Amino acid sequence: MSADLRQATPNIGLLKAPAAWHTVDLISDLHLQVSETATFEAWRAYMASTPADAVLILGDLFEVWVGDDAAAQDPFLQSCADVLRQTAQRAHVAFMPGNRDFLVGPEFLDGCGVKPLTDPTLLVLAAQRILLSHGDALCLDDKPYQAFRLQARNPEWQQTFLAKPLTERQEFARSLRALSESQKHEGMSFADADLDMSLFWLAQAQADCLVHGHTHRPADHALGQAQRHVLSDWSLDHRPFRAQVLRLKSTGGMARINLQPSA
């Protein structure tokens, strides 16, 4: 881990759960897209039936996002907005930007009744202090991506990009997706969360539990006295099927809820 990143204290958001919250669901990396109907339908059914008081989406809900204006003229994205809007009428729904949908803006979120989440955010649930992140900022060994992330999260870069014609933004997104797919087919190994940075973030947040997505490697890891829990990606249109919810209880403990078909 480089010295400048090691010394940088993250801007940690705070989400203090009301006493009425007994169950909080965490999901990420659904990569919703019009061509993957099974994943979308599973998500829609889950959002309509979850008993959670809050659903926190930790990034990459969408496969790609090129601006809120695109959603206004896309029937699929409008269907996604309807799901979010209906769920937000009975539960707290919040969204944290991922590496694919970091351009989701306040216009879309406000229209859906969804609250924004800073990356990272400290969730205080009863006596628990749980640090939440999408996870991409922790994958320091992926140096090309970190360079792009630094550029793309700059407000000036985003303003310039969003000012481009929609067709040009969509073409840029297609090129990024094509590059990602080629890397998958070439069997490239993707970076995992940096241990030292993870511990540094936990120390800054005074938390002993980190939950993130991004890596598509769902697992539970011990970090000394702390814990790191990696969320599942969702993929129900291609085998192997995978879709999990990480459910937190205010009384303590967490469980992974498997939603994928048994067959």
C-alpha atoms as a PDB file:
ATOM      1  CA  MET A   1       0.000   0.000   0.000  1.00  0.00           C
ATOM      2  CA  SER A   2       1.433   3.355  -1.036  1.00  0.00           C
ATOM      3  CA  ALA A   3       2.305   5.878   1.653  1.00  0.00           C
ATOM      4  CA  ASP A   4      -0.024   8.582   0.342  1.00  0.00           C
ATOM      5  CA  LEU A   5      -3.020   6.247   0.308  1.00  0.00           C
ATOM      6  CA  ARG A   6      -2.059   4.852   3.685  1.00  0.00           C
ATOM      7  CA  GLN A   7      -2.038   8.292   5.235  1.00  0.00           C
ATOM      8  CA  ALA A   8      -5.290   9.439   3.637  1.00  0.00           C
ATOM      9  CA  THR A   9      -8.128   9.315   6.134  1.00  0.00           C
ATOM     10  CA  PRO A  10     -11.362   8.360   4.369  1.00  0.00           C
ATOM     11  CA  ASN A  11     -14.404  10.596   4.595  1.00  0.00           C
ATOM     12  CA  ILE A  12     -16.560   8.210   6.617  1.00  0.00           C
ATOM     13  CA  GLY A  13     -20.304   8.707   6.547  1.00  0.00           C
ATOM     14  CA  LEU A  14     -22.530   7.802   9.479  1.00  0.00           C
ATOM     15  CA  LEU A  15     -25.813   5.907   9.451  1.00  0.00           C
ATOM     16  CA  LYS A  16     -27.246   5.527  12.941  1.00  0.00           C
ATOM     17  CA  ALA A  17     -30.065   3.014  12.828  1.00  0.00           C
ATOM     18  CA  PRO A  18     -33.258   4.062  14.635  1.00  0.00           C
ATOM     19  CA  ALA A  19     -34.299   1.868  17.548  1.00  0.00           C
ATOM     20  CA  ALA A  20     -37.187   0.590  15.406  1.00  0.00           C
ATOM     21  CA  TRP A  21     -34.776  -1.111  13.002  1.00  0.00           C
ATOM     22  CA  HIS A  22     -34.466  -4.784  13.913  1.00  0.00           C
ATOM     23  CA  THR A  23     -33.250  -6.147  10.573  1.00  0.00           C
ATOM     24  CA  VAL A  24     -30.951  -4.600   7.957  1.00  0.00           C
ATOM     25  CA  ASP A  25     -30.251  -6.264   4.594  1.00  0.00           C
ATOM     26  CA  LEU A  26     -27.040  -5.653   2.641  1.00  0.00           C
ATOM     27  CA  ILE A  27     -26.744  -6.405  -1.075  1.00  0.00           C
ATOM     28  CA  SER A  28     -24.377  -5.414  -3.875  1.00  0.00           C
ATOM     29  CA  ASP A  29     -23.160  -6.241  -7.366  1.00  0.00           C
ATOM     30  CA  LEU A  30     -26.451  -7.155  -8.982  1.00  0.00           C
ATOM     31  CA  HIS A  31     -25.311  -5.562 -12.272  1.00  0.00           C
ATOM     32  CA  LEU A  32     -28.911  -5.187 -13.424  1.00  0.00           C
ATOM     33  CA  GLN A  33     -29.273  -5.012 -17.205  1.00  0.00           C
ATOM     34  CA  VAL A  34     -32.104  -5.553 -19.645  1.00  0.00           C
ATOM     35  CA  SER A  35     -30.622  -8.766 -21.074  1.00  0.00           C
ATOM     36  CA  GLU A  36     -30.514 -10.553 -17.692  1.00  0.00           C
ATOM     37  CA  THR A  37     -34.171 -11.023 -16.868  1.00  0.00           C
ATOM     38  CA  ALA A  38     -33.801 -13.791 -14.256  1.00  0.00           C
ATOM     39  CA  THR A  39     -31.554 -11.637 -12.068  1.00  0.00           C
ATOM     40  CA  PHE A  40     -33.932  -8.689 -12.366  1.00  0.00           C
ATOM     41  CA  GLU A  41     -36.985 -10.804 -11.503  1.00  0.00           C
ATOM     42  CA  ALA A  42     -35.227 -12.316  -8.478  1.00  0.00           C
ATOM     43  CA  TRP A  43     -34.313  -8.838  -7.278  1.00  0.00           C
ATOM     44  CA  ARG A  44     -37.852  -7.550  -7.823  1.00  0.00           C
ATOM     45  CA  ALA A  45     -39.321 -10.494  -5.878  1.00  0.00           C
ATOM     46  CA  TYR A  46     -36.794 -10.036  -3.065  1.00  0.00           C
ATOM     47  CA  MET A  47     -37.443  -6.291  -2.760  1.00  0.00           C
ATOM     48  CA  ALA A  48     -41.202  -6.916  -2.604  1.00  0.00           C
ATOM     49  CA  SER A  49     -40.935  -9.571   0.106  1.00  0.00           C
ATOM     50  CA  THR A  50     -37.968  -8.753   2.349  1.00  0.00           C
ATOM     51  CA  PRO A  51     -38.917  -8.303   6.012  1.00  0.00           C
ATOM     52  CA  ALA A  52     -35.976  -5.937   6.554  1.00  0.00           C
ATOM     53  CA  ASP A  53     -36.495  -2.483   8.011  1.00  0.00           C
ATOM     54  CA  ALA A  54     -33.700  -1.229   5.751  1.00  0.00           C
ATOM     55  CA  VAL A  55     -32.135  -2.378   2.484  1.00  0.00           C
ATOM     56  CA  LEU A  56     -28.661  -0.949   1.919  1.00  0.00           C
ATOM     57  CA  ILE A  57     -27.314  -1.373  -1.625  1.00  0.00           C
ATOM     58  CA  LEU A  58     -23.511  -1.234  -1.590  1.00  0.00           C
ATOM     59  CA  GLY A  59     -22.808  -0.415  -5.206  1.00  0.00           C
ATOM     60  CA  ASP A  60     -23.098  -1.867  -8.705  1.00  0.00           C
ATOM     61  CA  LEU A  61     -26.844  -2.239  -8.563  1.00  0.00           C
ATOM     62  CA  PHE A  62     -26.662  -1.440 -12.281  1.00  0.00           C
ATOM     63  CA  GLU A  63     -24.302  -2.848 -14.885  1.00  0.00           C
ATOM     64  CA  VAL A  64     -23.735   0.628 -16.243  1.00  0.00           C
ATOM     65  CA  TRP A  65     -24.943   4.170 -15.581  1.00  0.00           C
ATOM     66  CA  VAL A  66     -24.138   7.072 -17.886  1.00  0.00           C
ATOM     67  CA  GLY A  67     -26.339   9.728 -16.309  1.00  0.00           C
ATOM     68  CA  ASP A  68     -29.756  10.203 -14.748  1.00  0.00           C
ATOM     69  CA  ASP A  69     -31.061  11.576 -18.036  1.00  0.00           C
ATOM     70  CA  ALA A  70     -30.570   8.140 -19.621  1.00  0.00           C
ATOM     71  CA  ALA A  71     -32.926   6.560 -17.101  1.00  0.00           C
ATOM     72  CA  ALA A  72     -35.734   8.914 -18.073  1.00  0.00           C
ATOM     73  CA  GLN A  73     -35.922   7.347 -21.548  1.00  0.00           C
ATOM     74  CA  ASP A  74     -35.030   3.730 -20.750  1.00  0.00           C
ATOM     75  CA  PRO A  75     -38.003   1.428 -19.995  1.00  0.00           C
ATOM     76  CA  PHE A  76     -35.808  -1.102 -18.167  1.00  0.00           C
ATOM     77  CA  LEU A  77     -34.292   1.513 -15.874  1.00  0.00           C
ATOM     78  CA  GLN A  78     -37.775   2.872 -15.247  1.00  0.00           C
ATOM     79  CA  SER A  79     -38.826  -0.636 -14.161  1.00  0.00           C
ATOM     80  CA  CYS A  80     -35.877  -0.660 -11.750  1.00  0.00           C
ATOM     81  CA  ALA A  81     -36.950   2.750 -10.463  1.00  0.00           C
ATOM     82  CA  ASP A  82     -40.467   1.417  -9.836  1.00  0.00           C
ATOM     83  CA  VAL A  83     -39.070  -1.439  -7.715  1.00  0.00           C
ATOM     84  CA  LEU A  84     -36.973   0.962  -5.668  1.00  0.00           C
ATOM     85  CA  ARG A  85     -39.861   3.401  -5.259  1.00  0.00           C
ATOM     86  CA  GLN A  86     -42.296   0.729  -4.069  1.00  0.00           C
ATOM     87  CA  THR A  87     -39.815  -0.692  -1.564  1.00  0.00           C
ATOM     88  CA  ALA A  88     -38.890   2.758  -0.253  1.00  0.00           C
ATOM     89  CA  GLN A  89     -42.534   3.319   0.676  1.00  0.00           C
ATOM     90  CA  ARG A  90     -42.308   0.681   3.417  1.00  0.00           C
ATOM     91  CA  ALA A  91     -38.591   0.414   4.263  1.00  0.00           C
ATOM     92  CA  HIS A  92     -35.473   2.566   4.338  1.00  0.00           C
ATOM     93  CA  VAL A  93     -33.636   2.048   1.048  1.00  0.00           C
ATOM     94  CA  ALA A  94     -30.161   3.518   0.560  1.00  0.00           C
ATOM     95  CA  PHE A  95     -27.637   3.375  -2.264  1.00  0.00           C
ATOM     96  CA  MET A  96     -23.840   3.580  -2.264  1.00  0.00           C
ATOM     97  CA  PRO A  97     -22.094   4.137  -5.619  1.00  0.00           C
ATOM     98  CA  GLY A  98     -20.084   1.293  -7.109  1.00  0.00           C
ATOM     99  CA  ASN A  99     -17.489   1.212  -9.855  1.00  0.00           C
ATOM    100  CA  ARG A 100     -20.182   0.662 -12.535  1.00  0.00           C
ATOM    101  CA  ASP A 101     -22.852   3.077 -11.308  1.00  0.00           C
ATOM    102  CA  PHE A 102     -20.929   5.856  -9.567  1.00  0.00           C
ATOM    103  CA  LEU A 103     -22.750   8.402 -11.754  1.00  0.00           C
ATOM    104  CA  VAL A 104     -26.163   7.640 -10.253  1.00  0.00           C
ATOM    105  CA  GLY A 105     -27.254  11.099  -9.153  1.00  0.00           C
ATOM    106  CA  PRO A 106     -29.628  12.815  -6.759  1.00  0.00           C
ATOM    107  CA  GLU A 107     -32.324  13.287  -9.411  1.00  0.00           C
ATOM    108  CA  PHE A 108     -32.749   9.535  -9.823  1.00  0.00           C
ATOM    109  CA  LEU A 109     -32.392   8.701  -6.125  1.00  0.00           C
ATOM    110  CA  ASP A 110     -34.777  11.424  -4.997  1.00  0.00           C
ATOM    111  CA  GLY A 111     -37.340  10.291  -7.550  1.00  0.00           C
ATOM    112  CA  CYS A 112     -37.190   6.779  -6.104  1.00  0.00           C
ATOM    113  CA  GLY A 113     -37.201   7.813  -2.442  1.00  0.00           C
ATOM    114  CA  VAL A 114     -33.730   6.279  -2.031  1.00  0.00           C
ATOM    115  CA  LYS A 115     -31.167   7.812   0.329  1.00  0.00           C
ATOM    116  CA  PRO A 116     -27.515   8.262  -0.707  1.00  0.00           C
ATOM    117  CA  LEU A 117     -24.716   6.525   1.197  1.00  0.00           C
ATOM    118  CA  THR A 118     -21.144   7.789   1.405  1.00  0.00           C
ATOM    119  CA  ASP A 119     -18.400   5.252   0.663  1.00  0.00           C
ATOM    120  CA  PRO A 120     -17.411   4.240   3.300  1.00  0.00           C
ATOM    121  CA  THR A 121     -20.234   4.585   5.841  1.00  0.00           C
ATOM    122  CA  LEU A 122     -20.271   3.506   9.467  1.00  0.00           C
ATOM    123  CA  LEU A 123     -23.522   1.736  10.308  1.00  0.00           C
ATOM    124  CA  VAL A 124     -24.359   1.888  14.009  1.00  0.00           C
ATOM    125  CA  LEU A 125     -26.963  -0.815  14.648  1.00  0.00           C
ATOM    126  CA  ALA A 126     -27.752  -1.057  18.361  1.00  0.00           C
ATOM    127  CA  ALA A 127     -24.355  -1.877  19.930  1.00  0.00           C
ATOM    128  CA  GLN A 128     -22.730  -2.860  16.607  1.00  0.00           C
ATOM    129  CA  ARG A 129     -20.378  -0.637  14.594  1.00  0.00           C
ATOM    130  CA  ILE A 130     -20.141  -1.983  11.048  1.00  0.00           C
ATOM    131  CA  LEU A 131     -18.146  -0.258   8.301  1.00  0.00           C
ATOM    132  CA  LEU A 132     -19.783  -0.484   4.870  1.00  0.00           C
ATOM    133  CA  SER A 133     -18.067   0.021   1.506  1.00  0.00           C
ATOM    134  CA  HIS A 134     -18.459  -0.982  -2.109  1.00  0.00           C
ATOM    135  CA  GLY A 135     -14.886  -2.219  -1.846  1.00  0.00           C
ATOM    136  CA  ASP A 136     -13.254  -0.962  -5.036  1.00  0.00           C
ATOM    137  CA  ALA A 137     -11.247   1.722  -3.219  1.00  0.00           C
ATOM    138  CA  LEU A 138      -9.664  -1.022  -1.108  1.00  0.00           C
ATOM    139  CA  CYS A 139      -8.328  -3.022  -4.073  1.00  0.00           C
ATOM    140  CA  LEU A 140      -5.026  -1.170  -4.271  1.00  0.00           C
ATOM    141  CA  ASP A 141      -3.176  -3.775  -6.344  1.00  0.00           C
ATOM    142  CA  ASP A 142      -5.414  -2.979  -9.315  1.00  0.00           C
ATOM    143  CA  LYS A 143      -3.328   0.051 -10.207  1.00  0.00           C
ATOM    144  CA  PRO A 144      -4.880   0.817 -13.637  1.00  0.00           C
ATOM    145  CA  TYR A 145      -8.331   0.836 -12.091  1.00  0.00           C
ATOM    146  CA  GLN A 146      -7.228   2.989  -9.145  1.00  0.00           C
ATOM    147  CA  ALA A 147      -5.848   5.557 -11.600  1.00  0.00           C
ATOM    148  CA  PHE A 148      -9.165   5.568 -13.488  1.00  0.00           C
ATOM    149  CA  ARG A 149     -11.125   5.764 -10.221  1.00  0.00           C
ATOM    150  CA  LEU A 150      -9.163   8.795  -9.084  1.00  0.00           C
ATOM    151  CA  GLN A 151      -9.986  10.517 -12.375  1.00  0.00           C
ATOM    152  CA  ALA A 152     -13.620   9.426 -12.628  1.00  0.00           C
ATOM    153  CA  ARG A 153     -14.555  10.449  -9.079  1.00  0.00           C
ATOM    154  CA  ASN A 154     -13.328  13.986  -9.726  1.00  0.00           C
ATOM    155  CA  PRO A 155     -16.361  16.328  -9.904  1.00  0.00           C
ATOM    156  CA  GLU A 156     -14.860  18.219 -12.866  1.00  0.00           C
ATOM    157  CA  TRP A 157     -14.383  14.992 -14.844  1.00  0.00           C
ATOM    158  CA  GLN A 158     -17.949  13.948 -14.077  1.00  0.00           C
ATOM    159  CA  GLN A 159     -19.350  17.320 -15.092  1.00  0.00           C
ATOM    160  CA  THR A 160     -17.460  17.188 -18.387  1.00  0.00           C
ATOM    161  CA  PHE A 161     -18.531  13.604 -19.054  1.00  0.00           C
ATOM    162  CA  LEU A 162     -22.202  14.219 -18.262  1.00  0.00           C
ATOM    163  CA  ALA A 163     -22.201  17.227 -20.598  1.00  0.00           C
ATOM    164  CA  LYS A 164     -21.368  14.976 -23.559  1.00  0.00           C
ATOM    165  CA  PRO A 165     -24.176  13.727 -25.820  1.00  0.00           C
ATOM    166  CA  LEU A 166     -25.942  10.647 -24.462  1.00  0.00           C
ATOM    167  CA  THR A 167     -24.902   8.527 -27.456  1.00  0.00           C
ATOM    168  CA  GLU A 168     -21.239   9.355 -26.820  1.00  0.00           C
ATOM    169  CA  ARG A 169     -21.559   8.433 -23.136  1.00  0.00           C
ATOM    170  CA  GLN A 170     -23.244   5.153 -24.026  1.00  0.00           C
ATOM    171  CA  GLU A 171     -20.480   4.280 -26.475  1.00  0.00           C
ATOM    172  CA  PHE A 172     -17.865   4.965 -23.795  1.00  0.00           C
ATOM    173  CA  ALA A 173     -19.722   2.664 -21.403  1.00  0.00           C
ATOM    174  CA  ARG A 174     -19.888  -0.086 -24.048  1.00  0.00           C
ATOM    175  CA  SER A 175     -16.123   0.123 -24.550  1.00  0.00           C
ATOM    176  CA  LEU A 176     -15.512  -0.244 -20.812  1.00  0.00           C
ATOM    177  CA  ARG A 177     -17.843  -3.238 -20.620  1.00  0.00           C
ATOM    178  CA  ALA A 178     -16.144  -4.878 -23.606  1.00  0.00           C
ATOM    179  CA  LEU A 179     -12.766  -4.452 -21.925  1.00  0.00           C
ATOM    180  CA  SER A 180     -14.121  -5.977 -18.715  1.00  0.00           C
ATOM    181  CA  GLU A 181     -15.557  -8.977 -20.572  1.00  0.00           C
ATOM    182  CA  SER A 182     -12.311  -9.597 -22.435  1.00  0.00           C
ATOM    183  CA  GLN A 183     -10.403  -9.585 -19.164  1.00  0.00           C
ATOM    184  CA  LYS A 184     -12.833 -12.158 -17.724  1.00  0.00           C
ATOM    185  CA  HIS A 185     -12.413 -14.426 -20.751  1.00  0.00           C
ATOM    186  CA  GLU A 186      -8.636 -14.150 -20.517  1.00  0.00           C
ATOM    187  CA  GLY A 187      -8.855 -15.420 -16.937  1.00  0.00           C
ATOM    188  CA  MET A 188      -7.286 -12.348 -15.404  1.00  0.00           C
ATOM    189  CA  SER A 189      -7.017 -12.414 -11.610  1.00  0.00           C
ATOM    190  CA  PHE A 190      -8.661  -9.421 -10.006  1.00  0.00           C
ATOM    191  CA  ALA A 191      -7.282  -7.716  -6.925  1.00  0.00           C
ATOM    192  CA  ASP A 192      -8.715  -8.301  -3.469  1.00  0.00           C
ATOM    193  CA  ALA A 193      -9.150  -5.771  -0.674  1.00  0.00           C
ATOM    194  CA  ASP A 194      -5.824  -4.651   0.745  1.00  0.00           C
ATOM    195  CA  LEU A 195      -5.354  -5.956   4.291  1.00  0.00           C
ATOM    196  CA  ASP A 196      -3.522  -2.946   5.683  1.00  0.00           C
ATOM    197  CA  MET A 197      -5.963  -0.471   4.177  1.00  0.00           C
ATOM    198  CA  SER A 198      -8.931  -2.479   5.487  1.00  0.00           C
ATOM    199  CA  LEU A 199      -7.495  -2.411   8.999  1.00  0.00           C
ATOM    200  CA  PHE A 200      -6.699   1.303   8.666  1.00  0.00           C
ATOM    201  CA  TRP A 201     -10.285   2.086   7.687  1.00  0.00           C
ATOM    202  CA  LEU A 202     -11.618  -0.008  10.568  1.00  0.00           C
ATOM    203  CA  ALA A 203      -9.381   1.823  13.010  1.00  0.00           C
ATOM    204  CA  GLN A 204     -10.496   5.207  11.697  1.00  0.00           C
ATOM    205  CA  ALA A 205     -14.143   4.204  12.079  1.00  0.00           C
ATOM    206  CA  GLN A 206     -13.569   2.530  15.451  1.00  0.00           C
ATOM    207  CA  ALA A 207     -15.324  -0.510  14.025  1.00  0.00           C
ATOM    208  CA  ASP A 208     -14.472  -4.189  14.187  1.00  0.00           C
ATOM    209  CA  CYS A 209     -16.500  -5.373  11.204  1.00  0.00           C
ATOM    210  CA  LEU A 210     -16.105  -4.464   7.523  1.00  0.00           C
ATOM    211  CA  VAL A 211     -18.672  -5.412   4.874  1.00  0.00           C
ATOM    212  CA  HIS A 212     -18.036  -4.798   1.178  1.00  0.00           C
ATOM    213  CA  GLY A 213     -18.763  -6.115  -2.298  1.00  0.00           C
ATOM    214  CA  HIS A 214     -16.990  -5.514  -5.627  1.00  0.00           C
ATOM    215  CA  THR A 215     -14.692  -8.561  -5.706  1.00  0.00           C
ATOM    216  CA  HIS A 216     -17.451 -11.142  -6.393  1.00  0.00           C
ATOM    217  CA  ARG A 217     -15.776 -13.435  -3.845  1.00  0.00           C
ATOM    218  CA  PRO A 218     -18.378 -13.924  -1.093  1.00  0.00           C
ATOM    219  CA  ALA A 219     -16.638 -15.124   2.051  1.00  0.00           C
ATOM    220  CA  ASP A 220     -16.008 -14.320   5.696  1.00  0.00           C
ATOM    221  CA  HIS A 221     -12.483 -13.433   6.798  1.00  0.00           C
ATOM    222  CA  ALA A 222     -10.857 -12.882  10.167  1.00  0.00           C
ATOM    223  CA  LEU A 223      -8.695  -9.749  10.398  1.00  0.00           C
ATOM    224  CA  GLY A 224      -7.131 -10.357  13.784  1.00  0.00           C
ATOM    225  CA  GLN A 225      -9.854  -9.340  16.232  1.00  0.00           C
ATOM    226  CA  ALA A 226     -11.917  -7.847  13.395  1.00  0.00           C
ATOM    227  CA  GLN A 227     -14.014  -9.431  10.654  1.00  0.00           C
ATOM    228  CA  ARG A 228     -14.350  -8.817   6.921  1.00  0.00           C
ATOM    229  CA  HIS A 229     -17.491 -10.023   5.160  1.00  0.00           C
ATOM    230  CA  VAL A 230     -17.600  -9.961   1.358  1.00  0.00           C
ATOM    231  CA  LEU A 231     -21.004  -9.727  -0.269  1.00  0.00           C
ATOM    232  CA  SER A 232     -22.163 -11.952  -3.097  1.00  0.00           C
ATOM    233  CA  ASP A 233     -22.671 -10.765  -6.626  1.00  0.00           C
ATOM    234  CA  TRP A 234     -25.989 -11.763  -8.243  1.00  0.00           C
ATOM    235  CA  SER A 235     -26.048 -13.890 -11.386  1.00  0.00           C
ATOM    236  CA  LEU A 236     -29.155 -15.945 -12.132  1.00  0.00           C
ATOM    237  CA  ASP A 237     -29.007 -15.915 -15.922  1.00  0.00           C
ATOM    238  CA  HIS A 238     -25.731 -17.853 -16.167  1.00  0.00           C
ATOM    239  CA  ARG A 239     -24.366 -20.772 -14.199  1.00  0.00           C
ATOM    240  CA  PRO A 240     -23.109 -21.006 -11.578  1.00  0.00           C
ATOM    241  CA  PHE A 241     -26.141 -19.248 -10.102  1.00  0.00           C
ATOM    242  CA  ARG A 242     -25.463 -16.890  -7.219  1.00  0.00           C
ATOM    243  CA  ALA A 243     -27.558 -14.414  -5.245  1.00  0.00           C
ATOM    244  CA  GLN A 244     -27.195 -13.706  -1.550  1.00  0.00           C
ATOM    245  CA  VAL A 245     -28.402 -11.195   0.982  1.00  0.00           C
ATOM    246  CA  LEU A 246     -26.368 -10.490   4.108  1.00  0.00           C
ATOM    247  CA  ARG A 247     -28.939  -9.947   6.859  1.00  0.00           C
ATOM    248  CA  LEU A 248     -27.965  -8.120  10.051  1.00  0.00           C
ATOM    249  CA  LYS A 249     -29.932  -8.279  13.281  1.00  0.00           C
ATOM    250  CA  SER A 250     -29.995  -5.516  15.885  1.00  0.00           C
ATOM    251  CA  THR A 251     -29.598  -8.213  18.528  1.00  0.00           C
ATOM    252  CA  GLY A 252     -26.260  -9.188  16.968  1.00  0.00           C
ATOM    253  CA  GLY A 253     -25.086 -11.645  14.382  1.00  0.00           C
ATOM    254  CA  MET A 254     -25.650 -11.925  10.659  1.00  0.00           C
ATOM    255  CA  ALA A 255     -26.801 -14.544   8.193  1.00  0.00           C
ATOM    256  CA  ARG A 256     -26.340 -15.137   4.487  1.00  0.00           C
ATOM    257  CA  ILE A 257     -29.689 -15.661   2.795  1.00  0.00           C
ATOM    258  CA  ASN A 258     -29.400 -17.648  -0.437  1.00  0.00           C
ATOM    259  CA  LEU A 259     -31.936 -16.675  -3.093  1.00  0.00           C
ATOM    260  CA  GLN A 260     -30.684 -18.650  -6.079  1.00  0.00           C
ATOM    261  CA  PRO A 261     -32.658 -21.628  -7.442  1.00  0.00           C
ATOM    262  CA  SER A 262     -31.965 -24.939  -5.732  1.00  0.00           C
ATOM    263  CA  ALA A 263     -31.853 -26.855  -9.024  1.00  0.00           C
END
